C-alpha atoms as a PDB file:
ATOM      1  CA  MET A   1      22.621 110.258 140.209  1.00  0.00           C
ATOM      2  CA  THR A   2      19.429 108.683 138.921  1.00  0.00           C
ATOM      3  CA  ILE A   3      18.852 104.939 138.764  1.00  0.00           C
ATOM      4  CA  ASP A   4      18.701 105.223 134.963  1.00  0.00           C
ATOM      5  CA  LYS A   5      22.228 106.708 134.814  1.00  0.00           C
ATOM      6  CA  ILE A   6      23.584 104.144 137.248  1.00  0.00           C
ATOM      7  CA  THR A   7      22.097 101.344 135.184  1.00  0.00           C
ATOM      8  CA  ARG A   8      23.598 102.646 131.942  1.00  0.00           C
ATOM      9  CA  ARG A   9      26.960 103.205 133.589  1.00  0.00           C
ATOM     10  CA  GLY A  10      26.868  99.735 135.091  1.00  0.00           C
ATOM     11  CA  LEU A  11      25.920  98.277 131.742  1.00  0.00           C
ATOM     12  CA  VAL A  12      28.837  99.999 129.999  1.00  0.00           C
ATOM     13  CA  LEU A  13      31.340  99.066 132.725  1.00  0.00           C
ATOM     14  CA  GLY A  14      30.014  95.529 132.855  1.00  0.00           C
ATOM     15  CA  SER A  15      30.313  95.193 129.074  1.00  0.00           C
ATOM     16  CA  ILE A  16      33.906  96.420 129.146  1.00  0.00           C
ATOM     17  CA  ALA A  17      34.748  94.016 131.976  1.00  0.00           C
ATOM     18  CA  LEU A  18      33.130  91.133 130.093  1.00  0.00           C
ATOM     19  CA  MET A  19      35.043  91.933 126.895  1.00  0.00           C
ATOM     20  CA  THR A  20      38.376  92.122 128.683  1.00  0.00           C
ATOM     21  CA  SER A  21      37.994  89.194 131.104  1.00  0.00           C
ATOM     22  CA  GLY A  22      39.400  85.879 130.004  1.00  0.00           C
ATOM     23  CA  CYS A  23      40.408  87.145 126.552  1.00  0.00           C
ATOM     24  CA  GLY A  24      41.876  90.549 127.368  1.00  0.00           C
ATOM     25  CA  SER A  25      45.129  89.955 125.555  1.00  0.00           C
ATOM     26  CA  GLY A  26      43.220  88.808 122.483  1.00  0.00           C
ATOM     27  CA  VAL A  27      41.193  92.008 122.460  1.00  0.00           C
ATOM     28  CA  ARG A  28      44.326  94.146 122.766  1.00  0.00           C
ATOM     29  CA  GLU A  29      46.054  92.149 120.047  1.00  0.00           C
ATOM     30  CA  ALA A  30      43.056  92.480 117.764  1.00  0.00           C
ATOM     31  CA  PHE A  31      42.591  96.216 118.150  1.00  0.00           C
ATOM     32  CA  SER A  32      45.831  97.884 119.247  1.00  0.00           C
ATOM     33  CA  PRO A  33      47.925  97.133 116.142  1.00  0.00           C
ATOM     34  CA  ILE A  34      45.122  98.214 113.817  1.00  0.00           C
ATOM     35  CA  SER A  35      44.626 101.566 115.521  1.00  0.00           C
ATOM     36  CA  SER A  36      48.357 102.239 115.567  1.00  0.00           C
ATOM     37  CA  ALA A  37      48.618 101.182 111.915  1.00  0.00           C
ATOM     38  CA  PHE A  38      46.188 103.963 110.982  1.00  0.00           C
ATOM     39  CA  ALA A  39      47.663 106.639 113.212  1.00  0.00           C
ATOM     40  CA  VAL A  40      49.137 109.684 111.479  1.00  0.00           C
ATOM     41  CA  PRO A  41      52.307 110.564 113.367  1.00  0.00           C
ATOM     42  CA  ARG A  42      52.200 113.602 115.602  1.00  0.00           C
ATOM     43  CA  GLY A  43      54.413 116.346 114.264  1.00  0.00           C
ATOM     44  CA  MET A  44      54.035 115.175 110.656  1.00  0.00           C
ATOM     45  CA  ASP A  45      54.796 118.048 108.309  1.00  0.00           C
ATOM     46  CA  PRO A  46      51.341 119.464 107.392  1.00  0.00           C
ATOM     47  CA  ARG A  47      52.401 119.584 103.725  1.00  0.00           C
ATOM     48  CA  LEU A  48      52.610 115.751 103.734  1.00  0.00           C
ATOM     49  CA  ARG A  49      48.976 115.325 104.744  1.00  0.00           C
ATOM     50  CA  ARG A  50      46.372 114.611 102.057  1.00  0.00           C
ATOM     51  CA  GLN A  51      44.972 117.858 100.629  1.00  0.00           C
ATOM     52  CA  GLU A  52      43.455 119.445  97.554  1.00  0.00           C
ATOM     53  CA  VAL A  53      45.891 121.568  95.533  1.00  0.00           C
ATOM     54  CA  ALA A  54      45.914 123.376  92.172  1.00  0.00           C
ATOM     55  CA  TYR A  55      47.344 121.204  89.382  1.00  0.00           C
ATOM     56  CA  GLN A  56      49.247 122.856  86.517  1.00  0.00           C
ATOM     57  CA  GLY A  57      50.560 119.725  84.765  1.00  0.00           C
ATOM     58  CA  SER A  58      49.555 118.268  81.415  1.00  0.00           C
ATOM     59  CA  GLU A  59      48.368 114.826  82.598  1.00  0.00           C
ATOM     60  CA  ALA A  60      44.729 113.935  81.984  1.00  0.00           C
ATOM     61  CA  PRO A  61      42.192 113.805  84.820  1.00  0.00           C
ATOM     62  CA  GLY A  62      42.207 110.398  86.468  1.00  0.00           C
ATOM     63  CA  THR A  63      45.991 110.026  86.200  1.00  0.00           C
ATOM     64  CA  LEU A  64      48.196 109.444  89.222  1.00  0.00           C
ATOM     65  CA  VAL A  65      51.434 111.435  89.053  1.00  0.00           C
ATOM     66  CA  VAL A  66      54.204 110.376  91.439  1.00  0.00           C
ATOM     67  CA  ASN A  67      56.920 112.989  91.896  1.00  0.00           C
ATOM     68  CA  THR A  68      59.730 111.156  93.687  1.00  0.00           C
ATOM     69  CA  TYR A  69      61.826 114.313  94.061  1.00  0.00           C
ATOM     70  CA  GLU A  70      59.027 116.298  95.742  1.00  0.00           C
ATOM     71  CA  ARG A  71      57.806 113.197  97.636  1.00  0.00           C
ATOM     72  CA  PHE A  72      54.201 113.757  96.556  1.00  0.00           C
ATOM     73  CA  LEU A  73      51.607 111.721  94.682  1.00  0.00           C
ATOM     74  CA  TYR A  74      48.981 113.718  92.761  1.00  0.00           C
ATOM     75  CA  ALA A  75      45.586 112.282  91.793  1.00  0.00           C
ATOM     76  CA  VAL A  76      44.629 114.608  88.934  1.00  0.00           C
ATOM     77  CA  GLN A  77      41.017 115.882  89.009  1.00  0.00           C
ATOM     78  CA  ARG A  78      38.828 117.361  86.240  1.00  0.00           C
ATOM     79  CA  ASP A  79      38.690 120.899  87.617  1.00  0.00           C
ATOM     80  CA  GLY A  80      42.373 121.870  87.438  1.00  0.00           C
ATOM     81  CA  SER A  81      43.053 120.492  90.887  1.00  0.00           C
ATOM     82  CA  ALA A  82      44.586 117.353  92.338  1.00  0.00           C
ATOM     83  CA  THR A  83      44.465 115.449  95.581  1.00  0.00           C
ATOM     84  CA  ARG A  84      48.033 115.500  96.858  1.00  0.00           C
ATOM     85  CA  TYR A  85      49.450 112.819  99.142  1.00  0.00           C
ATOM     86  CA  GLY A  86      52.765 112.796 101.003  1.00  0.00           C
ATOM     87  CA  ILE A  87      54.773 109.681 100.163  1.00  0.00           C
ATOM     88  CA  ALA A  88      57.935 107.811 101.031  1.00  0.00           C
ATOM     89  CA  VAL A  89      59.965 106.770  97.998  1.00  0.00           C
ATOM     90  CA  GLY A  90      62.699 104.305  97.075  1.00  0.00           C
ATOM     91  CA  GLU A  91      66.273 104.716  98.121  1.00  0.00           C
ATOM     92  CA  GLU A  92      68.679 106.140  95.523  1.00  0.00           C
ATOM     93  CA  GLY A  93      68.413 104.169  92.282  1.00  0.00           C
ATOM     94  CA  LEU A  94      65.546 101.952  93.446  1.00  0.00           C
ATOM     95  CA  THR A  95      62.551 103.797  92.061  1.00  0.00           C
ATOM     96  CA  LEU A  96      60.579 102.914  88.955  1.00  0.00           C
ATOM     97  CA  LYS A  97      60.348 105.762  86.423  1.00  0.00           C
ATOM     98  CA  GLY A  98      57.986 106.366  83.533  1.00  0.00           C
ATOM     99  CA  ARG A  99      54.470 105.144  82.839  1.00  0.00           C
ATOM    100  CA  ALA A 100      52.539 102.240  84.291  1.00  0.00           C
ATOM    101  CA  THR A 101      48.945 101.185  84.938  1.00  0.00           C
ATOM    102  CA  ILE A 102      47.112  99.980  88.028  1.00  0.00           C
ATOM    103  CA  GLU A 103      46.146  96.421  87.059  1.00  0.00           C
ATOM    104  CA  ARG A 104      45.585  94.857  90.485  1.00  0.00           C
ATOM    105  CA  LYS A 105      44.380  96.012  93.913  1.00  0.00           C
ATOM    106  CA  GLU A 106      44.617  94.140  97.215  1.00  0.00           C
ATOM    107  CA  GLN A 107      43.234  94.672 100.707  1.00  0.00           C
ATOM    108  CA  TRP A 108      45.719  93.777 103.471  1.00  0.00           C
ATOM    109  CA  PRO A 109      48.184  92.409 100.892  1.00  0.00           C
ATOM    110  CA  SER A 110      50.762  89.770 101.696  1.00  0.00           C
ATOM    111  CA  TRP A 111      54.440  90.572 101.101  1.00  0.00           C
ATOM    112  CA  THR A 112      57.428  88.514 100.013  1.00  0.00           C
ATOM    113  CA  PRO A 113      60.819  90.172  99.514  1.00  0.00           C
ATOM    114  CA  THR A 114      62.334  89.659  96.077  1.00  0.00           C
ATOM    115  CA  ALA A 115      65.718  87.967  95.609  1.00  0.00           C
ATOM    116  CA  SER A 116      67.330  91.327  94.789  1.00  0.00           C
ATOM    117  CA  MET A 117      65.925  92.857  98.002  1.00  0.00           C
ATOM    118  CA  ILE A 118      67.396  89.977 100.023  1.00  0.00           C
ATOM    119  CA  ARG A 119      70.786  90.447  98.312  1.00  0.00           C
ATOM    120  CA  ARG A 120      70.779  94.155  99.244  1.00  0.00           C
ATOM    121  CA  LYS A 121      69.468  93.550 102.759  1.00  0.00           C
ATOM    122  CA  PRO A 122      70.316  89.992 103.897  1.00  0.00           C
ATOM    123  CA  HIS A 123      68.243  90.318 107.094  1.00  0.00           C
ATOM    124  CA  LEU A 124      65.128  90.145 104.860  1.00  0.00           C
ATOM    125  CA  ALA A 125      65.890  86.456 104.204  1.00  0.00           C
ATOM    126  CA  GLN A 126      63.875  85.647 107.340  1.00  0.00           C
ATOM    127  CA  TYR A 127      60.771  86.759 105.389  1.00  0.00           C
ATOM    128  CA  ALA A 128      61.535  84.767 102.221  1.00  0.00           C
ATOM    129  CA  GLY A 129      58.470  82.598 102.869  1.00  0.00           C
ATOM    130  CA  GLY A 130      56.273  85.699 102.859  1.00  0.00           C
ATOM    131  CA  VAL A 131      54.465  87.789 105.435  1.00  0.00           C
ATOM    132  CA  PRO A 132      50.666  87.481 105.567  1.00  0.00           C
ATOM    133  CA  GLY A 133      48.533  90.591 105.242  1.00  0.00           C
ATOM    134  CA  GLY A 134      47.681  92.497 108.399  1.00  0.00           C
ATOM    135  CA  PRO A 135      48.753  95.439 110.551  1.00  0.00           C
ATOM    136  CA  ASN A 136      52.330  94.157 110.890  1.00  0.00           C
ATOM    137  CA  ASN A 137      52.844  93.708 107.157  1.00  0.00           C
ATOM    138  CA  PRO A 138      55.159  96.269 105.492  1.00  0.00           C
ATOM    139  CA  LEU A 139      52.642  96.847 102.657  1.00  0.00           C
ATOM    140  CA  GLY A 140      50.057  98.193 105.084  1.00  0.00           C
ATOM    141  CA  ALA A 141      46.302  98.199 104.625  1.00  0.00           C
ATOM    142  CA  ARG A 142      46.069  98.303 100.816  1.00  0.00           C
ATOM    143  CA  ALA A 143      48.231  97.980  97.712  1.00  0.00           C
ATOM    144  CA  LEU A 144      47.855  99.113  94.104  1.00  0.00           C
ATOM    145  CA  TYR A 145      50.043  97.065  91.736  1.00  0.00           C
ATOM    146  CA  LEU A 146      51.856  98.744  88.843  1.00  0.00           C
ATOM    147  CA  TYR A 147      51.992  96.951  85.488  1.00  0.00           C
ATOM    148  CA  ARG A 148      53.612  97.706  82.127  1.00  0.00           C
ATOM    149  CA  GLY A 149      52.561  95.947  78.963  1.00  0.00           C
ATOM    150  CA  GLY A 150      50.463  93.538  81.009  1.00  0.00           C
ATOM    151  CA  ARG A 151      53.439  92.514  83.186  1.00  0.00           C
ATOM    152  CA  ASP A 152      53.887  93.140  86.902  1.00  0.00           C
ATOM    153  CA  THR A 153      56.698  95.628  87.554  1.00  0.00           C
ATOM    154  CA  TYR A 154      56.954  94.482  91.215  1.00  0.00           C
ATOM    155  CA  PHE A 155      56.455  98.101  92.228  1.00  0.00           C
ATOM    156  CA  ARG A 156      53.460  99.096  94.330  1.00  0.00           C
ATOM    157  CA  LEU A 157      51.650 102.061  95.779  1.00  0.00           C
ATOM    158  CA  HIS A 158      50.951 100.812  99.285  1.00  0.00           C
ATOM    159  CA  GLY A 159      50.355 101.667 102.914  1.00  0.00           C
ATOM    160  CA  THR A 160      52.931 101.403 105.660  1.00  0.00           C
ATOM    161  CA  ASN A 161      53.220 100.353 109.275  1.00  0.00           C
ATOM    162  CA  GLU A 162      55.951 103.027 109.604  1.00  0.00           C
ATOM    163  CA  PRO A 163      54.053 106.276 108.875  1.00  0.00           C
ATOM    164  CA  TRP A 164      56.819 108.418 110.400  1.00  0.00           C
ATOM    165  CA  LEU A 165      58.929 107.637 107.304  1.00  0.00           C
ATOM    166  CA  ILE A 166      56.569 109.502 104.942  1.00  0.00           C
ATOM    167  CA  GLY A 167      58.567 112.219 103.165  1.00  0.00           C
ATOM    168  CA  GLN A 168      61.786 110.180 103.087  1.00  0.00           C
ATOM    169  CA  ALA A 169      63.670 107.965 100.598  1.00  0.00           C
ATOM    170  CA  VAL A 170      63.717 104.683 102.483  1.00  0.00           C
ATOM    171  CA  SER A 171      61.928 101.922 100.591  1.00  0.00           C
ATOM    172  CA  ASN A 172      63.096  99.232  98.197  1.00  0.00           C
ATOM    173  CA  GLY A 173      61.470 101.179  95.375  1.00  0.00           C
ATOM    174  CA  CYS A 174      57.768 101.105  96.110  1.00  0.00           C
ATOM    175  CA  ILE A 175      55.754 104.209  96.965  1.00  0.00           C
ATOM    176  CA  ARG A 176      54.467 104.302 100.542  1.00  0.00           C
ATOM    177  CA  LEU A 177      51.519 106.304 101.853  1.00  0.00           C
ATOM    178  CA  THR A 178      50.026 106.398 105.331  1.00  0.00           C
ATOM    179  CA  ASN A 179      47.420 103.672 105.797  1.00  0.00           C
ATOM    180  CA  GLU A 180      44.787 106.381 106.101  1.00  0.00           C
ATOM    181  CA  ASP A 181      45.801 107.769 102.695  1.00  0.00           C
ATOM    182  CA  ILE A 182      46.146 104.423 100.919  1.00  0.00           C
ATOM    183  CA  LEU A 183      42.605 103.535 102.002  1.00  0.00           C
ATOM    184  CA  TYR A 184      41.325 106.762 100.441  1.00  0.00           C
ATOM    185  CA  LEU A 185      43.410 106.296  97.277  1.00  0.00           C
ATOM    186  CA  TYR A 186      42.385 102.635  96.971  1.00  0.00           C
ATOM    187  CA  ASP A 187      38.689 103.516  97.145  1.00  0.00           C
ATOM    188  CA  ASN A 188      39.068 106.277  94.539  1.00  0.00           C
ATOM    189  CA  THR A 189      41.370 104.546  92.020  1.00  0.00           C
ATOM    190  CA  PRO A 190      39.808 102.112  89.532  1.00  0.00           C
ATOM    191  CA  LEU A 191      41.715  99.377  87.749  1.00  0.00           C
ATOM    192  CA  GLY A 192      43.260 100.699  84.537  1.00  0.00           C
ATOM    193  CA  THR A 193      44.262 104.018  86.110  1.00  0.00           C
ATOM    194  CA  PRO A 194      47.362 105.420  84.370  1.00  0.00           C
ATOM    195  CA  VAL A 195      50.362 106.301  86.545  1.00  0.00           C
ATOM    196  CA  LEU A 196      53.302 108.552  85.694  1.00  0.00           C
ATOM    197  CA  ILE A 197      56.375 108.346  87.937  1.00  0.00           C
ATOM    198  CA  VAL A 198      58.872 111.200  87.512  1.00  0.00           C
END
């Protein structure tokens, strides 16, 4: 080994030791949850991963179409295609239907369960004061807020810290995407985007 290689190796090892000494748990806390929050689960059905597909529907380019039965969200493009995302949807009877508009977007949104959510699931009362944004928040890395007639519907397109649930009907009505996918959708969805939920 040359002296140059030893020096570089020593520098790298020394840097790692310095970063982990004295504040090792802080480093793990700062980075581990974030990396796991963005992990796509192994064994995820390939059809649920983000991909370009042909779009045969009648919605205009720029529209988001959420098909709760298929468990897909389609971002309609101009060329007869769409970006398709696998989603998790609301439990039976808890999904918004019809048209809405994206009127608000948040990075690492906070979450507070509604009174009706707490009635259905009393264990959520422990979060009645709200959960700050971050990797442990149920809304994940980003949220797009659905409005009708200028009023918040309390339904969201958002990330999740439980990506293994994509493809299932498990939520309190909101549409969940992997954090990786919600980041992509967030960056490519302007305010005012129309949404159709079928």
